[in-house]
Amino acid sequence: MRGFTPCGINQLWVSDITYWKAKQQFFYISFITDAYSRKIVGYSVAENMESVHWSKRLK
């Protein structure tokens, strides 16, 4: 959302996904962050990138 600057919490959430390798296996972590407060409001860790895992972070 270019040009949108939140002026309070819960107006804009952003997400990011990263991964790391631990012993022969990859793990994926996704964060949802409030753009105004920069606090993490949700996260999910999974062994693969199937979308079913990412929907859990919103609940």
C-alpha atoms as a PDB file:
ATOM      1  CA  MET A   1       0.000   0.000   0.000  1.00  0.00           C
ATOM      2  CA  ARG A   2       2.182   2.770  -1.278  1.00  0.00           C
ATOM      3  CA  GLY A   3       1.489   6.178   0.128  1.00  0.00           C
ATOM      4  CA  PHE A   4      -0.429   4.831   3.136  1.00  0.00           C
ATOM      5  CA  THR A   5       1.043   5.759   6.495  1.00  0.00           C
ATOM      6  CA  PRO A   6      -0.746   4.192   9.467  1.00  0.00           C
ATOM      7  CA  CYS A   7      -1.542   6.614  12.289  1.00  0.00           C
ATOM      8  CA  GLY A   8      -2.572   3.934  14.805  1.00  0.00           C
ATOM      9  CA  ILE A   9      -2.340   0.261  15.593  1.00  0.00           C
ATOM     10  CA  ASN A  10      -4.139  -2.424  13.556  1.00  0.00           C
ATOM     11  CA  GLN A  11      -4.497  -0.235  10.468  1.00  0.00           C
ATOM     12  CA  LEU A  12      -1.835  -2.036   8.454  1.00  0.00           C
ATOM     13  CA  TRP A  13      -0.238  -5.420   8.994  1.00  0.00           C
ATOM     14  CA  VAL A  14       2.748  -6.668   7.031  1.00  0.00           C
ATOM     15  CA  SER A  15       4.179 -10.163   6.795  1.00  0.00           C
ATOM     16  CA  ASP A  16       7.510 -11.792   6.146  1.00  0.00           C
ATOM     17  CA  ILE A  17       8.684 -15.365   5.689  1.00  0.00           C
ATOM     18  CA  THR A  18      12.160 -16.707   6.334  1.00  0.00           C
ATOM     19  CA  TYR A  19      13.707 -20.137   6.696  1.00  0.00           C
ATOM     20  CA  TRP A  20      16.658 -21.858   8.328  1.00  0.00           C
ATOM     21  CA  LYS A  21      18.291 -25.234   8.097  1.00  0.00           C
ATOM     22  CA  ALA A  22      18.732 -27.323  11.219  1.00  0.00           C
ATOM     23  CA  LYS A  23      20.422 -30.722  10.806  1.00  0.00           C
ATOM     24  CA  GLN A  24      19.262 -31.848   7.314  1.00  0.00           C
ATOM     25  CA  GLN A  25      15.829 -30.194   7.537  1.00  0.00           C
ATOM     26  CA  PHE A  26      14.465 -26.766   6.678  1.00  0.00           C
ATOM     27  CA  PHE A  27      12.086 -24.845   8.932  1.00  0.00           C
ATOM     28  CA  TYR A  28       9.980 -21.893   7.820  1.00  0.00           C
ATOM     29  CA  ILE A  29       8.793 -19.064  10.042  1.00  0.00           C
ATOM     30  CA  SER A  30       6.314 -16.390   9.094  1.00  0.00           C
ATOM     31  CA  PHE A  31       5.611 -13.233  11.081  1.00  0.00           C
ATOM     32  CA  ILE A  32       2.726 -10.771  10.926  1.00  0.00           C
ATOM     33  CA  THR A  33       3.780  -7.367  12.226  1.00  0.00           C
ATOM     34  CA  ASP A  34       1.740  -4.257  12.977  1.00  0.00           C
ATOM     35  CA  ALA A  35       3.249  -1.541  10.758  1.00  0.00           C
ATOM     36  CA  TYR A  36       2.567   1.244  13.278  1.00  0.00           C
ATOM     37  CA  SER A  37       3.763  -0.302  16.544  1.00  0.00           C
ATOM     38  CA  ARG A  38       6.186  -2.747  14.863  1.00  0.00           C
ATOM     39  CA  LYS A  39       5.066  -5.453  17.271  1.00  0.00           C
ATOM     40  CA  ILE A  40       4.645  -9.038  16.142  1.00  0.00           C
ATOM     41  CA  VAL A  41       0.927  -9.839  16.225  1.00  0.00           C
ATOM     42  CA  GLY A  42       1.181 -13.388  14.896  1.00  0.00           C
ATOM     43  CA  TYR A  43       3.631 -16.019  13.775  1.00  0.00           C
ATOM     44  CA  SER A  44       3.792 -19.582  12.545  1.00  0.00           C
ATOM     45  CA  VAL A  45       6.578 -22.157  12.295  1.00  0.00           C
ATOM     46  CA  ALA A  46       6.320 -25.067   9.873  1.00  0.00           C
ATOM     47  CA  GLU A  47       8.413 -27.744   8.205  1.00  0.00           C
ATOM     48  CA  ASN A  48       7.109 -26.822   4.738  1.00  0.00           C
ATOM     49  CA  MET A  49       5.488 -23.895   2.963  1.00  0.00           C
ATOM     50  CA  GLU A  50       1.987 -25.295   2.553  1.00  0.00           C
ATOM     51  CA  SER A  51      -0.565 -22.526   3.009  1.00  0.00           C
ATOM     52  CA  VAL A  52      -2.553 -24.476   5.605  1.00  0.00           C
ATOM     53  CA  HIS A  53       0.153 -23.750   8.191  1.00  0.00           C
ATOM     54  CA  TRP A  54       0.172 -20.004   7.533  1.00  0.00           C
ATOM     55  CA  SER A  55      -3.558 -19.574   8.142  1.00  0.00           C
ATOM     56  CA  LYS A  56      -3.047 -20.621  11.783  1.00  0.00           C
ATOM     57  CA  ARG A  57      -1.125 -17.434  12.586  1.00  0.00           C
ATOM     58  CA  LEU A  58      -4.265 -15.321  12.105  1.00  0.00           C
ATOM     59  CA  LYS A  59      -6.321 -17.232  14.660  1.00  0.00           C
END
